[in-house]
Protein backbone atom coordinates (compact mmCIF):
# COMPACT_ATOMS: atom_id res chain seq x y z
CA MET A 1 -23.32 -19.63 -21.63
CA PHE A 2 -25.38 -16.57 -23.59
CA LEU A 3 -26.99 -13.03 -22.56
CA ARG A 4 -29.76 -13.06 -24.25
CA GLU A 5 -31.68 -10.18 -22.95
CA LEU A 6 -30.63 -6.45 -20.95
CA GLU A 7 -32.74 -4.22 -19.09
CA LEU A 8 -31.08 -0.76 -17.89
CA GLN A 9 -33.65 1.24 -16.02
CA ASN A 10 -32.12 4.52 -14.59
CA PHE A 11 -28.80 3.52 -15.05
CA ARG A 12 -26.15 5.95 -15.81
CA CYS A 13 -27.39 7.64 -18.89
CA PHE A 14 -30.41 5.07 -19.32
CA ALA A 15 -33.54 6.13 -18.06
CA GLN A 16 -34.78 3.23 -19.60
CA LYS A 17 -33.05 0.59 -22.55
CA THR A 18 -33.80 -2.86 -23.28
CA ILE A 19 -31.14 -4.50 -25.56
CA THR A 20 -31.15 -7.70 -27.19
CA PHE A 21 -28.08 -9.83 -28.18
CA GLU A 22 -28.55 -12.45 -31.23
CA LYS A 23 -25.02 -13.16 -32.06
CA GLN A 24 -21.86 -14.50 -30.59
CA ILE A 25 -19.79 -10.92 -31.07
CA THR A 26 -21.49 -7.72 -30.58
CA PHE A 27 -20.14 -4.17 -31.95
CA VAL A 28 -21.67 -1.48 -29.62
CA THR A 29 -20.44 1.75 -31.22
CA GLY A 30 -21.65 5.56 -31.19
CA ASP A 31 -20.07 8.85 -30.36
CA ASN A 32 -18.84 9.70 -26.97
CA GLY A 33 -21.48 9.84 -23.83
CA MET A 34 -24.26 8.06 -25.54
CA GLY A 35 -23.90 5.10 -23.20
CA LYS A 36 -21.19 2.43 -24.94
CA THR A 37 -19.24 1.82 -21.64
CA SER A 38 -22.18 2.68 -19.10
CA ILE A 39 -23.73 -1.28 -21.53
CA LEU A 40 -20.86 -2.92 -19.99
CA GLU A 41 -20.73 -1.33 -16.79
CA ALA A 42 -24.01 -3.07 -16.13
CA ILE A 43 -23.66 -6.17 -17.76
CA HIS A 44 -20.27 -6.40 -15.06
CA TYR A 45 -22.21 -4.62 -12.39
CA LEU A 46 -24.88 -7.85 -12.80
CA CYS A 47 -21.98 -10.30 -12.29
CA TYR A 48 -20.33 -8.64 -9.67
CA LEU A 49 -22.61 -6.01 -8.36
CA LYS A 50 -20.35 -3.33 -8.68
CA SER A 51 -19.11 -1.20 -10.90
CA PHE A 52 -15.79 -1.19 -12.57
CA ARG A 53 -15.85 2.70 -13.23
CA SER A 54 -16.50 3.96 -9.61
CA HIS A 55 -17.11 2.30 -6.07
CA VAL A 56 -19.82 4.86 -5.13
CA VAL A 57 -22.98 3.11 -5.95
CA GLN A 58 -24.94 6.34 -6.54
CA ASP A 59 -22.44 7.43 -9.25
CA VAL A 60 -24.38 4.89 -11.50
CA VAL A 61 -27.54 6.03 -10.57
CA HIS A 62 -29.39 7.86 -13.43
CA THR A 63 -29.94 11.28 -13.15
CA GLY A 64 -32.99 13.15 -11.26
CA SER A 65 -33.57 9.29 -9.66
CA GLU A 66 -32.46 7.66 -6.42
CA SER A 67 -32.65 3.98 -7.56
CA PHE A 68 -31.59 1.65 -10.42
CA PHE A 69 -32.56 -1.74 -11.55
CA LEU A 70 -30.98 -4.15 -13.95
CA LYS A 71 -31.65 -7.24 -15.65
CA GLY A 72 -29.92 -10.03 -17.82
CA GLY A 73 -31.89 -13.02 -19.08
CA PHE A 74 -29.21 -15.33 -20.41
CA GLU A 75 -28.81 -19.48 -21.11
CA ARG A 76 -26.69 -21.80 -19.66
CA MET A 77 -25.53 -25.31 -20.66
CA HIS A 78 -26.35 -27.98 -18.32
CA ASP A 79 -25.71 -31.56 -19.02
CA PHE A 80 -26.04 -30.62 -22.44
CA GLU A 81 -29.53 -29.23 -22.20
CA THR A 82 -30.04 -25.21 -22.37
CA ALA A 83 -31.63 -24.01 -19.43
CA GLN A 84 -32.68 -20.18 -19.34
CA HIS A 85 -32.21 -17.96 -16.30
CA SER A 86 -32.40 -14.48 -15.23
CA LEU A 87 -30.21 -12.02 -12.72
CA GLN A 88 -31.42 -9.12 -11.89
CA VAL A 89 -30.05 -6.38 -9.59
CA GLY A 90 -32.15 -3.43 -7.73
CA TYR A 91 -30.43 -0.54 -5.63
CA PHE A 92 -33.33 1.36 -3.51
CA GLN A 93 -33.68 3.37 -0.91
CA ARG A 94 -29.93 2.53 -0.58
CA LYS A 95 -30.37 -1.02 -0.30
CA LYS A 96 -29.65 -3.39 -3.04
CA SER A 97 -31.59 -6.43 -3.94
CA ILE A 98 -30.58 -9.50 -6.02
CA LYS A 99 -32.58 -12.36 -7.49
CA LEU A 100 -31.40 -15.49 -9.63
CA ASP A 101 -34.12 -16.76 -11.16
CA GLN A 102 -36.56 -14.90 -9.05
CA ARG A 103 -34.52 -16.17 -5.75
CA PRO A 104 -33.12 -13.74 -3.49
CA VAL A 105 -29.05 -14.02 -3.82
CA THR A 106 -27.25 -13.28 -0.23
CA SER A 107 -23.58 -13.88 -1.97
CA PHE A 108 -21.53 -13.45 -4.80
CA LYS A 109 -20.44 -16.83 -4.94
CA GLN A 110 -23.92 -18.16 -5.84
CA ILE A 111 -23.71 -15.73 -8.85
CA LEU A 112 -20.28 -17.48 -10.04
CA SER A 113 -21.76 -20.53 -10.16
CA TYR A 114 -23.98 -19.50 -12.53
CA PHE A 115 -23.06 -15.82 -14.09
CA GLN A 116 -19.30 -15.67 -15.10
CA VAL A 117 -17.89 -12.46 -17.02
CA ILE A 118 -14.64 -11.30 -18.13
CA THR A 119 -13.66 -7.34 -18.58
CA LEU A 120 -11.28 -5.91 -19.94
CA THR A 121 -11.29 -2.11 -20.29
CA GLU A 122 -8.22 1.36 -20.96
CA ASP A 123 -7.16 0.75 -16.96
CA ASP A 124 -6.62 -2.51 -17.40
CA ILE A 125 -2.95 -1.94 -18.33
CA ASP A 126 -2.54 -1.24 -14.77
CA LEU A 127 -2.14 -4.91 -14.43
CA ILE A 128 1.37 -4.09 -15.76
CA LYS A 129 1.85 -0.73 -14.86
CA GLY A 130 -0.01 -0.37 -11.91
CA TYR A 131 0.55 -0.82 -7.85
CA PRO A 132 0.88 -4.80 -6.51
CA ALA A 133 -2.96 -4.29 -5.36
CA VAL A 134 -3.90 -4.60 -9.08
CA ARG A 135 -1.97 -7.28 -9.70
CA ARG A 136 -3.28 -9.12 -6.48
CA ALA A 137 -6.97 -8.25 -7.40
CA PHE A 138 -6.14 -10.19 -10.65
CA ILE A 139 -5.19 -13.07 -9.80
CA ASP A 140 -7.35 -13.12 -7.15
CA GLN A 141 -10.31 -13.19 -9.18
CA ALA A 142 -8.62 -15.84 -11.50
CA VAL A 143 -8.68 -17.97 -8.48
CA LEU A 144 -12.53 -17.68 -8.11
CA PHE A 145 -12.67 -18.45 -11.87
CA CYS A 146 -10.34 -21.57 -11.34
CA GLN A 147 -12.40 -22.81 -7.71
CA PRO A 148 -14.94 -20.89 -7.05
CA GLU A 149 -14.73 -22.46 -4.01
CA ALA A 150 -12.06 -20.63 -2.80
CA PHE A 151 -14.70 -17.76 -1.98
CA ASP A 152 -14.71 -19.17 1.98
CA GLU A 153 -10.82 -19.12 1.92
CA TYR A 154 -10.46 -15.55 0.68
CA SER A 155 -13.23 -14.20 3.22
CA SER A 156 -11.40 -16.34 6.57
CA PHE A 157 -8.11 -14.75 5.51
CA ARG A 158 -9.94 -10.86 5.33
CA GLN A 159 -11.38 -11.74 9.17
CA VAL A 160 -7.53 -12.79 10.19
CA VAL A 161 -6.12 -9.63 8.39
CA ALA A 162 -8.76 -7.83 10.69
CA HIS A 163 -8.61 -9.18 13.69
CA ARG A 164 -4.83 -8.82 13.55
CA ASN A 165 -4.82 -5.33 12.78
CA ALA A 166 -7.29 -4.35 15.43
CA LEU A 167 -5.09 -6.19 17.93
CA LEU A 168 -2.21 -3.99 16.33
CA ALA A 169 -4.02 -0.95 17.20
CA THR A 170 -5.39 -0.85 20.53
CA PRO A 171 -3.72 1.35 23.02
CA LYS A 172 -3.79 -1.62 25.41
CA LYS A 173 -0.87 -3.79 26.00
CA ILE A 174 -1.12 -6.76 23.73
CA ASP A 175 -1.08 -10.53 25.27
CA HIS A 176 1.76 -12.11 23.66
CA THR A 177 -0.19 -15.71 23.49
CA GLU A 178 -3.78 -14.20 22.09
CA PHE A 179 -1.18 -12.47 19.52
CA GLU A 180 0.40 -15.67 18.74
CA VAL A 181 -2.70 -17.18 18.06
CA TRP A 182 -3.22 -14.67 15.35
CA ASN A 183 0.22 -14.49 13.90
CA HIS A 184 0.04 -18.39 13.26
CA GLY A 185 -3.73 -17.90 11.49
CA LEU A 186 -1.94 -15.31 9.14
CA TRP A 187 0.45 -17.21 8.24
CA GLN A 188 -1.66 -20.75 7.37
CA HIS A 189 -4.21 -18.62 5.86
CA SER A 190 -1.66 -16.85 3.50
CA LEU A 191 0.10 -20.17 2.56
CA LYS A 192 -3.70 -21.37 1.37
CA ILE A 193 -4.05 -17.79 -0.50
CA GLN A 194 -0.96 -18.25 -1.89
CA GLN A 195 -0.78 -22.17 -3.18
CA TYR A 196 -4.59 -21.05 -5.05
CA ARG A 197 -2.63 -17.90 -6.43
CA VAL A 198 0.44 -20.19 -7.40
CA HIS A 199 -2.01 -22.65 -9.09
CA ALA A 200 -3.74 -19.77 -11.27
CA LEU A 201 -0.77 -18.01 -12.37
CA ASP A 202 0.65 -21.32 -13.30
CA ARG A 203 -2.72 -21.52 -15.47
CA VAL A 204 -2.65 -18.14 -16.39
CA GLU A 205 1.14 -18.16 -17.82
CA LYS A 206 0.27 -21.42 -19.97
CA ALA A 207 -2.85 -19.88 -21.68
CA VAL A 208 -0.80 -16.54 -22.47
CA ASN A 209 1.99 -17.97 -23.97
CA SER A 210 -0.33 -21.13 -25.92
CA LEU A 211 -2.18 -17.73 -27.31
CA LEU A 212 0.90 -15.95 -28.37
CA GLU A 213 1.91 -18.84 -30.45
CA GLN A 214 -1.44 -19.92 -31.81
CA TYR A 215 -2.51 -15.74 -32.70
CA PHE A 216 0.53 -14.10 -32.74
CA ASP A 217 3.11 -16.59 -34.16
CA GLY A 218 4.98 -16.62 -30.64
CA ILE A 219 6.35 -13.37 -30.74
CA TYR A 220 7.30 -13.18 -27.65
CA GLU A 221 7.16 -15.32 -24.32
CA VAL A 222 5.52 -14.09 -21.26
CA SER A 223 6.41 -15.64 -17.71
CA LEU A 224 4.41 -14.82 -14.60
CA ARG A 225 6.16 -15.53 -10.98
CA TYR A 226 4.33 -15.00 -7.91
CA ASP A 227 6.47 -12.50 -5.05
CA PRO A 228 5.90 -13.49 -1.78
CA LYS A 229 6.35 -10.79 1.33
CA PHE A 230 8.13 -12.92 4.04
CA VAL A 231 5.25 -16.05 3.94
CA CYS A 232 6.71 -18.70 1.03
CA ILE A 233 5.27 -21.72 0.58
CA GLY A 234 7.44 -24.70 1.70
CA ASP A 235 8.50 -23.01 5.07
CA ASP A 236 7.80 -24.49 8.51
CA TYR A 237 6.04 -22.08 10.69
CA ASP A 238 9.34 -22.05 13.53
CA THR A 239 11.25 -20.56 9.86
CA PHE A 240 8.58 -18.14 9.35
CA ALA A 241 8.66 -17.14 12.83
CA ARG A 242 12.04 -16.07 12.82
CA LYS A 243 11.82 -14.44 9.48
CA ILE A 244 9.06 -11.57 10.83
CA PHE A 245 10.57 -11.17 14.50
CA HIS A 246 11.68 -7.67 13.64
CA LEU A 247 8.27 -6.27 12.29
CA PHE A 248 6.23 -6.43 16.13
CA ASP A 249 7.41 -3.06 17.01
CA GLN A 250 7.01 -1.45 13.77
CA GLU A 251 4.26 -2.82 13.07
CA ARG A 252 2.32 -1.16 16.47
CA ILE A 253 3.66 1.75 15.07
CA MET A 254 1.74 1.77 11.70
CA LYS A 255 -1.02 -0.48 13.44
CA ARG A 256 -1.61 -3.20 10.52
CA SER A 257 0.23 -6.38 9.85
CA LEU A 258 3.55 -5.94 7.51
CA TYR A 259 3.52 -9.31 6.03
CA GLY A 260 0.91 -11.68 4.82
CA ALA A 261 -0.67 -12.72 1.19
CA HIS A 262 -3.03 -8.93 1.14
CA LEU A 263 0.90 -7.74 0.32
CA ASP A 264 2.02 -10.09 -2.40
CA ASP A 265 2.53 -9.14 -5.68
CA ILE A 266 3.43 -10.82 -8.84
CA VAL A 267 6.13 -10.08 -11.45
CA ILE A 268 5.35 -9.90 -15.25
CA GLN A 269 8.17 -10.58 -17.54
CA ILE A 270 8.53 -10.60 -21.58
CA LYS A 271 11.49 -12.36 -22.67
CA GLY A 272 13.47 -12.03 -19.65
CA LYS A 273 12.60 -8.69 -18.76
CA LYS A 274 10.56 -7.18 -16.46
CA ALA A 275 7.39 -5.61 -18.67
CA ARG A 276 6.63 -2.92 -16.77
CA VAL A 277 9.90 -1.49 -17.35
CA TYR A 278 11.08 -2.74 -21.41
CA ALA A 279 7.40 -3.46 -22.60
CA SER A 280 6.25 -0.89 -25.02
CA ARG A 281 2.80 0.33 -24.77
CA GLY A 282 1.57 -1.86 -27.27
CA GLN A 283 3.39 -4.84 -25.50
CA GLN A 284 1.90 -4.28 -22.39
CA LYS A 285 -1.75 -3.89 -23.57
CA LEU A 286 -1.98 -7.17 -25.71
CA ILE A 287 0.17 -8.80 -22.40
CA SER A 288 -2.78 -7.12 -20.10
CA LEU A 289 -5.20 -8.58 -22.61
CA LEU A 290 -4.36 -11.90 -22.85
CA CYS A 291 -3.92 -12.36 -19.10
CA LYS A 292 -7.29 -11.80 -18.69
CA VAL A 293 -9.02 -13.47 -21.08
CA SER A 294 -7.12 -16.65 -20.18
CA TRP A 295 -9.27 -16.96 -17.81
CA ALA A 296 -12.03 -18.30 -20.28
CA SER A 297 -9.79 -21.54 -20.35
CA PHE A 298 -10.30 -21.85 -16.33
CA THR A 299 -14.23 -23.04 -16.80
CA SER A 300 -15.02 -26.51 -15.92
CA GLY A 301 -17.94 -28.50 -17.39
CA ASP A 302 -20.20 -27.27 -15.16
CA ILE A 303 -20.15 -23.93 -16.26
CA ASP A 304 -20.82 -22.47 -19.61
CA HIS A 305 -17.93 -19.96 -21.09
CA PRO A 306 -17.82 -16.41 -19.37
CA ILE A 307 -19.39 -13.57 -21.54
CA MET A 308 -16.13 -10.93 -22.40
CA LEU A 309 -16.80 -7.51 -22.33
CA ILE A 310 -14.18 -5.23 -24.08
CA ASP A 311 -14.58 -1.57 -23.66
CA ASP A 312 -12.63 0.27 -26.34
CA PHE A 313 -9.50 -2.13 -25.86
CA ILE A 314 -8.36 -2.81 -29.12
CA SER A 315 -8.89 0.49 -31.50
CA ASP A 316 -5.60 1.39 -31.30
CA PHE A 317 -3.83 -1.99 -31.80
CA ASP A 318 -1.76 -2.38 -35.13
CA LYS A 319 -3.32 -4.36 -37.99
CA ILE A 320 -1.10 -7.76 -37.38
CA ARG A 321 -2.35 -7.39 -33.95
CA LEU A 322 -5.81 -6.31 -34.79
CA SER A 323 -5.91 -9.40 -37.11
CA GLY A 324 -4.43 -11.89 -34.63
CA LEU A 325 -7.27 -10.76 -32.20
CA VAL A 326 -10.38 -11.09 -34.24
CA ASP A 327 -9.45 -14.58 -35.12
CA PHE A 328 -8.96 -15.75 -31.93
CA PHE A 329 -12.35 -13.73 -30.97
CA MET A 330 -13.50 -15.98 -34.28
CA ASN A 331 -12.19 -19.35 -32.79
CA CYS A 332 -13.40 -18.60 -29.16
CA LYS A 333 -16.87 -20.45 -28.06
CA ASN A 334 -17.96 -16.85 -25.67
CA GLN A 335 -20.09 -14.18 -26.40
CA ILE A 336 -18.12 -11.09 -26.83
CA ILE A 337 -19.41 -7.59 -26.47
CA LEU A 338 -16.73 -4.62 -27.69
CA THR A 339 -17.51 -1.33 -27.51
CA ALA A 340 -15.46 1.27 -29.87
CA PRO A 341 -16.27 5.30 -30.43
CA PHE A 342 -16.27 4.57 -33.65
CA CYS A 343 -15.75 1.79 -36.47
CA ASP A 344 -12.18 2.45 -37.83
CA PRO A 345 -12.45 1.52 -41.41
CA ALA A 346 -9.30 -1.18 -40.71
CA LEU A 347 -11.26 -2.50 -37.43
CA LYS A 348 -14.29 -2.18 -39.54
CA LYS A 349 -12.64 -4.66 -42.29
CA LEU A 350 -10.80 -7.07 -40.24
CA LEU A 351 -14.30 -7.61 -37.77
CA GLU A 352 -16.52 -7.96 -41.03
CA LYS A 353 -15.17 -11.85 -41.16
CA ALA A 354 -16.30 -12.41 -37.72
CA ASP A 355 -19.95 -10.95 -38.78
CA PRO A 356 -20.79 -9.00 -35.64
CA GLU A 357 -23.73 -7.49 -34.73
CA ILE A 358 -23.77 -3.80 -34.64
CA ILE A 359 -25.48 -2.04 -32.26
CA SER A 360 -25.27 1.96 -32.93
CA LEU A 361 -26.11 4.59 -30.13
């Protein structure tokens, strides 16, 4: 996959901007506030239909406007032939309009089969340092890269959680026969989500350690362990039911489910110790980056290599780590678009061997 052209209208600081991409690696540089991150944000928005900086749509709209428009023209290999595609997202009168090759898109799942993006930002260090919700979001996104068909299972899972929570929140006496149906449903869907996650986590761990061995002299070994809450792969329903029997009264008080895949976590270790506690900031950043870029190895023959967006994430790595990262960038098949507030001489020298396209804002 290769993004050839990006058009922005009334998006962030850009009233109108068209950018073309010619090389595998593009380095976007410029002063703060010039729109470097907004360019990556626009590409990310085309894939995920949301920003990585804000959950409020109006935040990305250019000052003085009430709408925005994004369009990406990209190439994709299919059956050994290059096909041209276009993806556009418009926002007008508080409604989004999404089109792929001029045909309306009704689901994120449709986009995922054509246009995939891996985005790394400074906040991705929260994969190590942050709350479990960050790690769940990471592994769920990895699952969809591995198995896009899992999208439907996730939708069903969210519906079951919502229905069970609504039942717990009702002031009326709960019908235990009906409640047992939702108990079983949440257990069943949680098991399926866990299976997806464990499979993806195994692939991430193997890919991360392979990258460490290949580009960083195997400086340390990383392990990723799934940490479930009550629902465990291998338990039958009766065993599970005995585990959660004591939760009902507390769930009624809190009016929400206190077990399930939406509460699970991932334990990330380096050299056998928790990375959150024992890893340095540099180690945490490198692990976070490698966990994200490991998704690039998940693509099948039917899906091109995803585009990598790296927003000011590599500028404070030491020279040895930077050299390894640049070697990785040069050897992978992905289109890579990086940003930095300024071109540090050491970084610039390392990037020169990759012969990047330079866009100065």
